[in-house]
């Protein structure tokens, strides 16, 4: 009994072009969009409230720590890692130092 009901429904779906619409997959998202470095990431204000720091790629597309005075547009790069970009950092309580961990060659040490 159930087959008799499902057969006309399946035929109607196939004859109206529904199967063609189901067979088309959406376009893939390019890998560059998914895995590229962000323009700026992880903004943090110093404990004294004078500076803004963030992660951004340098000319070689490696994430570095950048800092700027909140009063102006004097962005300057603080680090110069060559192989692997910096992923995490934080301000020290004195507002004069930034602390970050560095991984060597992807070994997570």
PDB file of N, CA and C in Angstrom:
ATOM      1  N   UNK A   1       0.819  -1.184   0.000  1.00  0.00           N
ATOM      2  CA  UNK A   1       0.000   0.000   0.000  1.00  0.00           C
ATOM      3  C   UNK A   1       0.867   1.253   0.000  1.00  0.00           C
ATOM      4  N   UNK A   2       1.916   1.226   0.804  1.00  0.00           N
ATOM      5  CA  UNK A   2       2.782   2.397   0.911  1.00  0.00           C
ATOM      6  C   UNK A   2       3.508   2.665  -0.398  1.00  0.00           C
ATOM      7  N   UNK A   3       3.946   1.608  -1.117  1.00  0.00           N
ATOM      8  CA  UNK A   3       4.627   1.770  -2.399  1.00  0.00           C
ATOM      9  C   UNK A   3       3.725   2.424  -3.416  1.00  0.00           C
ATOM     10  N   UNK A   4       2.475   2.093  -3.393  1.00  0.00           N
ATOM     11  CA  UNK A   4       1.525   2.634  -4.368  1.00  0.00           C
ATOM     12  C   UNK A   4       1.387   4.149  -4.174  1.00  0.00           C
ATOM     13  N   UNK A   5       1.453   4.641  -2.953  1.00  0.00           N
ATOM     14  CA  UNK A   5       1.323   6.073  -2.678  1.00  0.00           C
ATOM     15  C   UNK A   5       2.624   6.799  -3.013  1.00  0.00           C
ATOM     16  N   UNK A   6       3.773   6.202  -2.682  1.00  0.00           N
ATOM     17  CA  UNK A   6       5.055   6.857  -2.905  1.00  0.00           C
ATOM     18  C   UNK A   6       5.447   6.915  -4.375  1.00  0.00           C
ATOM     19  N   UNK A   7       5.041   5.967  -5.177  1.00  0.00           N
ATOM     20  CA  UNK A   7       5.403   5.934  -6.583  1.00  0.00           C
ATOM     21  C   UNK A   7       4.872   7.149  -7.339  1.00  0.00           C
ATOM     22  N   UNK A   8       3.616   7.542  -7.211  1.00  0.00           N
ATOM     23  CA  UNK A   8       3.158   8.744  -7.922  1.00  0.00           C
ATOM     24  C   UNK A   8       3.841  10.022  -7.423  1.00  0.00           C
ATOM     25  N   UNK A   9       4.149  10.069  -6.140  1.00  0.00           N
ATOM     26  CA  UNK A   9       4.828  11.257  -5.606  1.00  0.00           C
ATOM     27  C   UNK A   9       6.236  11.353  -6.194  1.00  0.00           C
ATOM     28  N   UNK A  10       6.961  10.257  -6.229  1.00  0.00           N
ATOM     29  CA  UNK A  10       8.307  10.253  -6.798  1.00  0.00           C
ATOM     30  C   UNK A  10       8.266  10.617  -8.277  1.00  0.00           C
ATOM     31  N   UNK A  11       7.304  10.083  -9.012  1.00  0.00           N
ATOM     32  CA  UNK A  11       7.166  10.403 -10.435  1.00  0.00           C
ATOM     33  C   UNK A  11       6.877  11.893 -10.625  1.00  0.00           C
ATOM     34  N   UNK A  12       6.030  12.457  -9.780  1.00  0.00           N
ATOM     35  CA  UNK A  12       5.698  13.883  -9.896  1.00  0.00           C
ATOM     36  C   UNK A  12       6.924  14.751  -9.618  1.00  0.00           C
ATOM     37  N   UNK A  13       7.698  14.386  -8.633  1.00  0.00           N
ATOM     38  CA  UNK A  13       8.908  15.157  -8.321  1.00  0.00           C
ATOM     39  C   UNK A  13       9.920  15.085  -9.454  1.00  0.00           C
ATOM     40  N   UNK A  14      10.109  13.902 -10.017  1.00  0.00           N
ATOM     41  CA  UNK A  14      11.062  13.749 -11.105  1.00  0.00           C
ATOM     42  C   UNK A  14      10.605  14.460 -12.367  1.00  0.00           C
ATOM     43  N   UNK A  15       9.335  14.438 -12.662  1.00  0.00           N
ATOM     44  CA  UNK A  15       8.838  15.048 -13.892  1.00  0.00           C
ATOM     45  C   UNK A  15       8.785  16.573 -13.820  1.00  0.00           C
ATOM     46  N   UNK A  16       8.747  17.161 -12.624  1.00  0.00           N
ATOM     47  CA  UNK A  16       8.698  18.623 -12.505  1.00  0.00           C
ATOM     48  C   UNK A  16      10.086  19.252 -12.441  1.00  0.00           C
ATOM     49  N   UNK A  17      11.124  18.473 -12.527  1.00  0.00           N
ATOM     50  CA  UNK A  17      12.471  19.021 -12.509  1.00  0.00           C
ATOM     51  C   UNK A  17      13.051  19.152 -11.124  1.00  0.00           C
ATOM     52  N   UNK A  18      12.420  18.604 -10.143  1.00  0.00           N
ATOM     53  CA  UNK A  18      12.915  18.705  -8.771  1.00  0.00           C
ATOM     54  C   UNK A  18      14.244  17.978  -8.613  1.00  0.00           C
ATOM     55  N   UNK A  19      14.427  16.895  -9.327  1.00  0.00           N
ATOM     56  CA  UNK A  19      15.665  16.136  -9.187  1.00  0.00           C
ATOM     57  C   UNK A  19      16.860  16.928  -9.704  1.00  0.00           C
ATOM     58  N   UNK A  20      16.682  17.735 -10.733  1.00  0.00           N
ATOM     59  CA  UNK A  20      17.767  18.547 -11.270  1.00  0.00           C
ATOM     60  C   UNK A  20      18.196  19.598 -10.246  1.00  0.00           C
ATOM     61  N   UNK A  21      17.243  20.182  -9.583  1.00  0.00           N
ATOM     62  CA  UNK A  21      17.570  21.193  -8.586  1.00  0.00           C
ATOM     63  C   UNK A  21      18.264  20.576  -7.383  1.00  0.00           C
ATOM     64  N   UNK A  22      17.904  19.385  -7.013  1.00  0.00           N
ATOM     65  CA  UNK A  22      18.541  18.718  -5.892  1.00  0.00           C
ATOM     66  C   UNK A  22      19.958  18.266  -6.237  1.00  0.00           C
ATOM     67  N   UNK A  23      20.213  17.962  -7.519  1.00  0.00           N
ATOM     68  CA  UNK A  23      21.507  17.453  -7.932  1.00  0.00           C
ATOM     69  C   UNK A  23      22.557  18.556  -8.005  1.00  0.00           C
ATOM     70  N   UNK A  24      22.173  19.816  -8.158  1.00  0.00           N
ATOM     71  CA  UNK A  24      23.140  20.904  -8.255  1.00  0.00           C
ATOM     72  C   UNK A  24      23.644  21.284  -6.867  1.00  0.00           C
ATOM     73  N   UNK A  25      24.931  21.265  -6.715  1.00  0.00           N
ATOM     74  CA  UNK A  25      25.539  21.650  -5.451  1.00  0.00           C
ATOM     75  C   UNK A  25      25.899  23.131  -5.492  1.00  0.00           C
ATOM     76  N   UNK A  26      25.903  23.796  -4.362  1.00  0.00           N
ATOM     77  CA  UNK A  26      26.318  25.200  -4.356  1.00  0.00           C
ATOM     78  C   UNK A  26      27.812  25.296  -4.659  1.00  0.00           C
ATOM     79  N   UNK A  27      28.267  26.440  -5.134  1.00  0.00           N
ATOM     80  CA  UNK A  27      29.692  26.568  -5.431  1.00  0.00           C
ATOM     81  C   UNK A  27      30.520  26.492  -4.144  1.00  0.00           C
ATOM     82  N   UNK A  28      31.734  25.969  -4.273  1.00  0.00           N
ATOM     83  CA  UNK A  28      32.623  25.846  -3.128  1.00  0.00           C
ATOM     84  C   UNK A  28      33.164  27.220  -2.726  1.00  0.00           C
ATOM     85  N   UNK A  29      33.374  27.412  -1.450  1.00  0.00           N
ATOM     86  CA  UNK A  29      33.996  28.639  -0.952  1.00  0.00           C
ATOM     87  C   UNK A  29      35.488  28.519  -1.203  1.00  0.00           C
ATOM     88  N   UNK A  30      36.106  29.510  -1.828  1.00  0.00           N
ATOM     89  CA  UNK A  30      37.545  29.416  -2.097  1.00  0.00           C
ATOM     90  C   UNK A  30      38.359  29.260  -0.813  1.00  0.00           C
ATOM     91  N   UNK A  31      39.414  28.466  -0.873  1.00  0.00           N
ATOM     92  CA  UNK A  31      40.258  28.214   0.296  1.00  0.00           C
ATOM     93  C   UNK A  31      40.874  29.492   0.843  1.00  0.00           C
ATOM     94  N   UNK A  32      41.179  30.440  -0.051  1.00  0.00           N
ATOM     95  CA  UNK A  32      41.786  31.694   0.395  1.00  0.00           C
ATOM     96  C   UNK A  32      40.867  32.433   1.366  1.00  0.00           C
ATOM     97  N   UNK A  33      39.578  32.362   1.137  1.00  0.00           N
ATOM     98  CA  UNK A  33      38.629  33.043   2.021  1.00  0.00           C
ATOM     99  C   UNK A  33      38.560  32.340   3.369  1.00  0.00           C
ATOM    100  N   UNK A  34      38.591  31.028   3.359  1.00  0.00           N
ATOM    101  CA  UNK A  34      38.475  30.267   4.609  1.00  0.00           C
ATOM    102  C   UNK A  34      39.748  30.286   5.447  1.00  0.00           C
ATOM    103  N   UNK A  35      40.913  30.223   4.801  1.00  0.00           N
ATOM    104  CA  UNK A  35      42.148  30.003   5.544  1.00  0.00           C
ATOM    105  C   UNK A  35      43.152  31.150   5.466  1.00  0.00           C
ATOM    106  N   UNK A  36      42.844  32.222   4.793  1.00  0.00           N
ATOM    107  CA  UNK A  36      43.786  33.342   4.691  1.00  0.00           C
ATOM    108  C   UNK A  36      43.872  34.091   6.019  1.00  0.00           C
ATOM    109  N   UNK A  37      44.965  34.811   6.197  1.00  0.00           N
ATOM    110  CA  UNK A  37      45.115  35.637   7.386  1.00  0.00           C
ATOM    111  C   UNK A  37      44.086  36.760   7.377  1.00  0.00           C
ATOM    112  N   UNK A  38      43.572  37.114   8.539  1.00  0.00           N
ATOM    113  CA  UNK A  38      42.639  38.245   8.600  1.00  0.00           C
ATOM    114  C   UNK A  38      43.406  39.557   8.402  1.00  0.00           C
ATOM    115  N   UNK A  39      42.689  40.611   8.051  1.00  0.00           N
ATOM    116  CA  UNK A  39      43.340  41.916   7.913  1.00  0.00           C
ATOM    117  C   UNK A  39      43.825  42.405   9.276  1.00  0.00           C
ATOM    118  N   UNK A  40      42.978  42.273  10.294  1.00  0.00           N
ATOM    119  CA  UNK A  40      43.339  42.599  11.674  1.00  0.00           C
ATOM    120  C   UNK A  40      42.580  41.644  12.580  1.00  0.00           C
ATOM    121  N   UNK A  41      43.220  41.294  13.701  1.00  0.00           N
ATOM    122  CA  UNK A  41      42.610  40.295  14.583  1.00  0.00           C
ATOM    123  C   UNK A  41      43.030  40.554  16.013  1.00  0.00           C
ATOM    124  N   UNK A  42      42.202  40.163  16.959  1.00  0.00           N
ATOM    125  CA  UNK A  42      42.492  40.162  18.387  1.00  0.00           C
ATOM    126  C   UNK A  42      42.918  41.531  18.931  1.00  0.00           C
ATOM    127  N   UNK A  43      42.099  42.567  18.750  1.00  0.00           N
ATOM    128  CA  UNK A  43      42.462  43.879  19.294  1.00  0.00           C
ATOM    129  C   UNK A  43      42.407  43.881  20.817  1.00  0.00           C
ATOM    130  N   UNK A  44      43.369  44.576  21.434  1.00  0.00           N
ATOM    131  CA  UNK A  44      43.421  44.681  22.890  1.00  0.00           C
ATOM    132  C   UNK A  44      43.875  46.093  23.266  1.00  0.00           C
ATOM    133  N   UNK A  45      43.267  46.651  24.276  1.00  0.00           N
ATOM    134  CA  UNK A  45      43.658  47.961  24.781  1.00  0.00           C
ATOM    135  C   UNK A  45      44.594  47.749  25.966  1.00  0.00           C
ATOM    136  N   UNK A  46      45.653  48.519  26.014  1.00  0.00           N
ATOM    137  CA  UNK A  46      46.625  48.386  27.101  1.00  0.00           C
ATOM    138  C   UNK A  46      45.964  48.700  28.436  1.00  0.00           C
ATOM    139  N   UNK A  47      46.511  48.173  29.547  1.00  0.00           N
ATOM    140  CA  UNK A  47      45.902  48.416  30.861  1.00  0.00           C
ATOM    141  C   UNK A  47      45.782  49.896  31.224  1.00  0.00           C
ATOM    142  N   UNK A  48      46.700  50.753  30.733  1.00  0.00           N
ATOM    143  CA  UNK A  48      46.592  52.180  31.038  1.00  0.00           C
ATOM    144  C   UNK A  48      45.662  52.920  30.074  1.00  0.00           C
ATOM    145  N   UNK A  49      45.141  52.228  29.069  1.00  0.00           N
ATOM    146  CA  UNK A  49      44.182  52.822  28.148  1.00  0.00           C
ATOM    147  C   UNK A  49      44.772  53.728  27.086  1.00  0.00           C
ATOM    148  N   UNK A  50      46.084  53.708  26.895  1.00  0.00           N
ATOM    149  CA  UNK A  50      46.722  54.593  25.924  1.00  0.00           C
ATOM    150  C   UNK A  50      46.970  53.945  24.572  1.00  0.00           C
ATOM    151  N   UNK A  51      47.090  52.615  24.524  1.00  0.00           N
ATOM    152  CA  UNK A  51      47.493  51.948  23.292  1.00  0.00           C
ATOM    153  C   UNK A  51      46.492  50.876  22.866  1.00  0.00           C
ATOM    154  N   UNK A  52      46.434  50.659  21.577  1.00  0.00           N
ATOM    155  CA  UNK A  52      45.645  49.581  20.981  1.00  0.00           C
ATOM    156  C   UNK A  52      46.620  48.652  20.278  1.00  0.00           C
ATOM    157  N   UNK A  53      46.554  47.380  20.577  1.00  0.00           N
ATOM    158  CA  UNK A  53      47.389  46.399  19.893  1.00  0.00           C
ATOM    159  C   UNK A  53      46.487  45.435  19.135  1.00  0.00           C
ATOM    160  N   UNK A  54      47.048  44.814  18.115  1.00  0.00           N
ATOM    161  CA  UNK A  54      46.283  43.848  17.313  1.00  0.00           C
ATOM    162  C   UNK A  54      47.256  42.991  16.522  1.00  0.00           C
ATOM    163  N   UNK A  55      46.759  41.904  15.977  1.00  0.00           N
ATOM    164  CA  UNK A  55      47.538  41.053  15.086  1.00  0.00           C
ATOM    165  C   UNK A  55      47.148  41.379  13.654  1.00  0.00           C
ATOM    166  N   UNK A  56      48.147  41.507  12.792  1.00  0.00           N
ATOM    167  CA  UNK A  56      47.908  41.774  11.374  1.00  0.00           C
ATOM    168  C   UNK A  56      49.090  41.216  10.579  1.00  0.00           C
ATOM    169  N   UNK A  57      48.875  40.842   9.330  1.00  0.00           N
ATOM    170  CA  UNK A  57      49.983  40.318   8.528  1.00  0.00           C
ATOM    171  C   UNK A  57      50.953  41.431   8.125  1.00  0.00           C
ATOM    172  N   UNK A  58      52.214  41.042   8.001  1.00  0.00           N
ATOM    173  CA  UNK A  58      53.226  41.979   7.517  1.00  0.00           C
ATOM    174  C   UNK A  58      53.322  41.860   5.997  1.00  0.00           C
ATOM    175  N   UNK A  59      54.375  42.393   5.409  1.00  0.00           N
ATOM    176  CA  UNK A  59      54.555  42.322   3.957  1.00  0.00           C
ATOM    177  C   UNK A  59      54.728  40.913   3.429  1.00  0.00           C
ATOM    178  N   UNK A  60      55.164  39.989   4.289  1.00  0.00           N
ATOM    179  CA  UNK A  60      55.333  38.585   3.896  1.00  0.00           C
ATOM    180  C   UNK A  60      54.122  37.742   4.253  1.00  0.00           C
ATOM    181  N   UNK A  61      53.044  38.356   4.686  1.00  0.00           N
ATOM    182  CA  UNK A  61      51.793  37.695   5.047  1.00  0.00           C
ATOM    183  C   UNK A  61      51.944  36.794   6.280  1.00  0.00           C
ATOM    184  N   UNK A  62      52.803  37.192   7.229  1.00  0.00           N
ATOM    185  CA  UNK A  62      52.979  36.492   8.501  1.00  0.00           C
ATOM    186  C   UNK A  62      52.370  37.365   9.583  1.00  0.00           C
ATOM    187  N   UNK A  63      51.533  36.782  10.452  1.00  0.00           N
ATOM    188  CA  UNK A  63      50.879  37.573  11.498  1.00  0.00           C
ATOM    189  C   UNK A  63      51.897  38.093  12.507  1.00  0.00           C
ATOM    190  N   UNK A  64      51.854  39.389  12.736  1.00  0.00           N
ATOM    191  CA  UNK A  64      52.742  40.069  13.665  1.00  0.00           C
ATOM    192  C   UNK A  64      51.899  40.882  14.643  1.00  0.00           C
ATOM    193  N   UNK A  65      52.519  41.313  15.747  1.00  0.00           N
ATOM    194  CA  UNK A  65      51.849  42.205  16.688  1.00  0.00           C
ATOM    195  C   UNK A  65      52.101  43.639  16.247  1.00  0.00           C
ATOM    196  N   UNK A  66      51.041  44.403  16.159  1.00  0.00           N
ATOM    197  CA  UNK A  66      51.105  45.818  15.821  1.00  0.00           C
ATOM    198  C   UNK A  66      50.525  46.606  16.988  1.00  0.00           C
ATOM    199  N   UNK A  67      50.966  47.840  17.143  1.00  0.00           N
ATOM    200  CA  UNK A  67      50.460  48.699  18.209  1.00  0.00           C
ATOM    201  C   UNK A  67      50.304  50.116  17.672  1.00  0.00           C
ATOM    202  N   UNK A  68      49.362  50.829  18.244  1.00  0.00           N
ATOM    203  CA  UNK A  68      49.150  52.229  17.874  1.00  0.00           C
ATOM    204  C   UNK A  68      48.651  52.987  19.084  1.00  0.00           C
ATOM    205  N   UNK A  69      48.912  54.265  19.099  1.00  0.00           N
ATOM    206  CA  UNK A  69      48.410  55.155  20.136  1.00  0.00           C
ATOM    207  C   UNK A  69      46.928  55.384  19.854  1.00  0.00           C
ATOM    208  N   UNK A  70      46.089  55.318  20.859  1.00  0.00           N
ATOM    209  CA  UNK A  70      44.654  55.513  20.638  1.00  0.00           C
ATOM    210  C   UNK A  70      44.333  56.919  20.143  1.00  0.00           C
ATOM    211  N   UNK A  71      45.228  57.859  20.352  1.00  0.00           N
ATOM    212  CA  UNK A  71      44.983  59.240  19.934  1.00  0.00           C
ATOM    213  C   UNK A  71      45.300  59.473  18.456  1.00  0.00           C
ATOM    214  N   UNK A  72      46.010  58.570  17.792  1.00  0.00           N
ATOM    215  CA  UNK A  72      46.406  58.818  16.408  1.00  0.00           C
ATOM    216  C   UNK A  72      46.473  57.571  15.558  1.00  0.00           C
ATOM    217  N   UNK A  73      47.019  57.737  14.359  1.00  0.00           N
ATOM    218  CA  UNK A  73      47.160  56.636  13.402  1.00  0.00           C
ATOM    219  C   UNK A  73      48.635  56.291  13.205  1.00  0.00           C
ATOM    220  N   UNK A  74      49.346  56.075  14.270  1.00  0.00           N
ATOM    221  CA  UNK A  74      50.775  55.781  14.183  1.00  0.00           C
ATOM    222  C   UNK A  74      51.053  54.286  14.323  1.00  0.00           C
ATOM    223  N   UNK A  75      50.384  53.463  13.521  1.00  0.00           N
ATOM    224  CA  UNK A  75      50.552  52.004  13.616  1.00  0.00           C
ATOM    225  C   UNK A  75      52.011  51.629  13.381  1.00  0.00           C
ATOM    226  N   UNK A  76      52.526  50.744  14.241  1.00  0.00           N
ATOM    227  CA  UNK A  76      53.890  50.261  14.056  1.00  0.00           C
ATOM    228  C   UNK A  76      53.950  48.776  14.417  1.00  0.00           C
ATOM    229  N   UNK A  77      54.764  48.087  13.658  1.00  0.00           N
ATOM    230  CA  UNK A  77      54.932  46.642  13.848  1.00  0.00           C
ATOM    231  C   UNK A  77      55.945  46.410  14.957  1.00  0.00           C
ATOM    232  N   UNK A  78      55.586  45.567  15.936  1.00  0.00           N
ATOM    233  CA  UNK A  78      56.475  45.311  17.068  1.00  0.00           C
ATOM    234  C   UNK A  78      57.298  44.039  16.905  1.00  0.00           C
ATOM    235  N   UNK A  79      56.757  43.037  16.263  1.00  0.00           N
ATOM    236  CA  UNK A  79      57.452  41.756  16.132  1.00  0.00           C
ATOM    237  C   UNK A  79      57.856  41.530  14.685  1.00  0.00           C
ATOM    238  N   UNK A  80      58.758  40.591  14.493  1.00  0.00           N
ATOM    239  CA  UNK A  80      59.197  40.264  13.128  1.00  0.00           C
ATOM    240  C   UNK A  80      59.453  38.763  13.010  1.00  0.00           C
ATOM    241  N   UNK A  81      58.433  37.991  13.323  1.00  0.00           N
ATOM    242  CA  UNK A  81      58.526  36.535  13.167  1.00  0.00           C
ATOM    243  C   UNK A  81      58.637  36.211  11.684  1.00  0.00           C
ATOM    244  N   UNK A  82      59.475  35.237  11.345  1.00  0.00           N
ATOM    245  CA  UNK A  82      59.702  34.936   9.940  1.00  0.00           C
ATOM    246  C   UNK A  82      58.926  33.723   9.441  1.00  0.00           C
ATOM    247  N   UNK A  83      58.805  32.674  10.271  1.00  0.00           N
ATOM    248  CA  UNK A  83      58.197  31.431   9.804  1.00  0.00           C
ATOM    249  C   UNK A  83      56.701  31.361  10.106  1.00  0.00           C
ATOM    250  N   UNK A  84      56.384  31.364  11.391  1.00  0.00           N
ATOM    251  CA  UNK A  84      55.000  31.165  11.812  1.00  0.00           C
ATOM    252  C   UNK A  84      54.489  32.428  12.471  1.00  0.00           C
ATOM    253  N   UNK A  85      53.289  32.797  12.142  1.00  0.00           N
ATOM    254  CA  UNK A  85      52.708  33.996  12.714  1.00  0.00           C
ATOM    255  C   UNK A  85      52.353  33.832  14.178  1.00  0.00           C
ATOM    256  N   UNK A  86      52.212  34.941  14.854  1.00  0.00           N
ATOM    257  CA  UNK A  86      51.818  34.945  16.259  1.00  0.00           C
ATOM    258  C   UNK A  86      50.308  34.758  16.326  1.00  0.00           C
ATOM    259  N   UNK A  87      49.856  33.894  17.202  1.00  0.00           N
ATOM    260  CA  UNK A  87      48.428  33.610  17.303  1.00  0.00           C
ATOM    261  C   UNK A  87      47.803  34.173  18.567  1.00  0.00           C
ATOM    262  N   UNK A  88      48.572  34.268  19.654  1.00  0.00           N
ATOM    263  CA  UNK A  88      48.038  34.742  20.927  1.00  0.00           C
ATOM    264  C   UNK A  88      49.057  35.649  21.603  1.00  0.00           C
ATOM    265  N   UNK A  89      48.558  36.677  22.245  1.00  0.00           N
ATOM    266  CA  UNK A  89      49.419  37.584  22.995  1.00  0.00           C
ATOM    267  C   UNK A  89      48.571  38.288  24.050  1.00  0.00           C
ATOM    268  N   UNK A  90      49.234  38.990  24.975  1.00  0.00           N
ATOM    269  CA  UNK A  90      48.515  39.761  25.983  1.00  0.00           C
ATOM    270  C   UNK A  90      49.413  40.888  26.477  1.00  0.00           C
ATOM    271  N   UNK A  91      48.792  41.885  27.030  1.00  0.00           N
ATOM    272  CA  UNK A  91      49.532  42.999  27.624  1.00  0.00           C
ATOM    273  C   UNK A  91      50.032  42.612  29.011  1.00  0.00           C
ATOM    274  N   UNK A  92      51.227  43.084  29.381  1.00  0.00           N
ATOM    275  CA  UNK A  92      51.696  42.989  30.763  1.00  0.00           C
ATOM    276  C   UNK A  92      51.025  44.119  31.534  1.00  0.00           C
ATOM    277  N   UNK A  93      50.965  43.994  32.855  1.00  0.00           N
ATOM    278  CA  UNK A  93      50.258  44.985  33.673  1.00  0.00           C
ATOM    279  C   UNK A  93      50.896  46.373  33.641  1.00  0.00           C
ATOM    280  N   UNK A  94      52.167  46.442  33.238  1.00  0.00           N
ATOM    281  CA  UNK A  94      52.837  47.744  33.224  1.00  0.00           C
ATOM    282  C   UNK A  94      52.516  48.578  31.979  1.00  0.00           C
ATOM    283  N   UNK A  95      51.761  48.038  31.037  1.00  0.00           N
ATOM    284  CA  UNK A  95      51.382  48.702  29.779  1.00  0.00           C
ATOM    285  C   UNK A  95      52.579  49.047  28.902  1.00  0.00           C
ATOM    286  N   UNK A  96      53.735  48.522  29.221  1.00  0.00           N
ATOM    287  CA  UNK A  96      54.929  48.786  28.418  1.00  0.00           C
ATOM    288  C   UNK A  96      55.414  47.539  27.680  1.00  0.00           C
ATOM    289  N   UNK A  97      54.889  46.379  28.055  1.00  0.00           N
ATOM    290  CA  UNK A  97      55.347  45.124  27.453  1.00  0.00           C
ATOM    291  C   UNK A  97      54.156  44.295  26.983  1.00  0.00           C
ATOM    292  N   UNK A  98      54.403  43.564  25.904  1.00  0.00           N
ATOM    293  CA  UNK A  98      53.449  42.577  25.404  1.00  0.00           C
ATOM    294  C   UNK A  98      54.098  41.205  25.528  1.00  0.00           C
ATOM    295  N   UNK A  99      53.310  40.214  25.890  1.00  0.00           N
ATOM    296  CA  UNK A  99      53.808  38.852  26.082  1.00  0.00           C
ATOM    297  C   UNK A  99      53.128  37.953  25.058  1.00  0.00           C
ATOM    298  N   UNK A 100      53.944  37.123  24.371  1.00  0.00           N
ATOM    299  CA  UNK A 100      53.366  36.167  23.423  1.00  0.00           C
ATOM    300  C   UNK A 100      54.160  34.880  23.464  1.00  0.00           C
ATOM    301  N   UNK A 101      53.515  33.799  23.093  1.00  0.00           N
ATOM    302  CA  UNK A 101      54.186  32.500  23.003  1.00  0.00           C
ATOM    303  C   UNK A 101      54.548  32.245  21.555  1.00  0.00           C
ATOM    304  N   UNK A 102      55.682  31.629  21.350  1.00  0.00           N
ATOM    305  CA  UNK A 102      56.132  31.343  19.989  1.00  0.00           C
ATOM    306  C   UNK A 102      56.320  29.850  19.824  1.00  0.00           C
ATOM    307  N   UNK A 103      55.768  29.316  18.769  1.00  0.00           N
ATOM    308  CA  UNK A 103      55.895  27.895  18.462  1.00  0.00           C
ATOM    309  C   UNK A 103      56.986  27.727  17.416  1.00  0.00           C
ATOM    310  N   UNK A 104      57.779  26.684  17.547  1.00  0.00           N
ATOM    311  CA  UNK A 104      58.875  26.443  16.616  1.00  0.00           C
ATOM    312  C   UNK A 104      58.524  25.311  15.659  1.00  0.00           C
ATOM    313  N   UNK A 105      58.455  25.608  14.401  1.00  0.00           N
ATOM    314  CA  UNK A 105      58.262  24.610  13.340  1.00  0.00           C
ATOM    315  C   UNK A 105      57.027  23.737  13.505  1.00  0.00           C
ATOM    316  N   UNK A 106      55.999  24.219  14.148  1.00  0.00           N
ATOM    317  CA  UNK A 106      54.753  23.492  14.249  1.00  0.00           C
ATOM    318  C   UNK A 106      54.772  22.313  15.203  1.00  0.00           C
ATOM    319  N   UNK A 107      55.772  22.226  16.094  1.00  0.00           N
ATOM    320  CA  UNK A 107      55.877  21.092  17.003  1.00  0.00           C
ATOM    321  C   UNK A 107      55.121  21.339  18.317  1.00  0.00           C
ATOM    322  N   UNK A 108      54.482  22.496  18.461  1.00  0.00           N
ATOM    323  CA  UNK A 108      53.683  22.876  19.620  1.00  0.00           C
ATOM    324  C   UNK A 108      54.489  22.880  20.923  1.00  0.00           C
ATOM    325  N   UNK A 109      55.778  23.080  20.836  1.00  0.00           N
ATOM    326  CA  UNK A 109      56.628  23.221  22.020  1.00  0.00           C
ATOM    327  C   UNK A 109      56.905  24.691  22.254  1.00  0.00           C
TER     328      UNK A 109
END
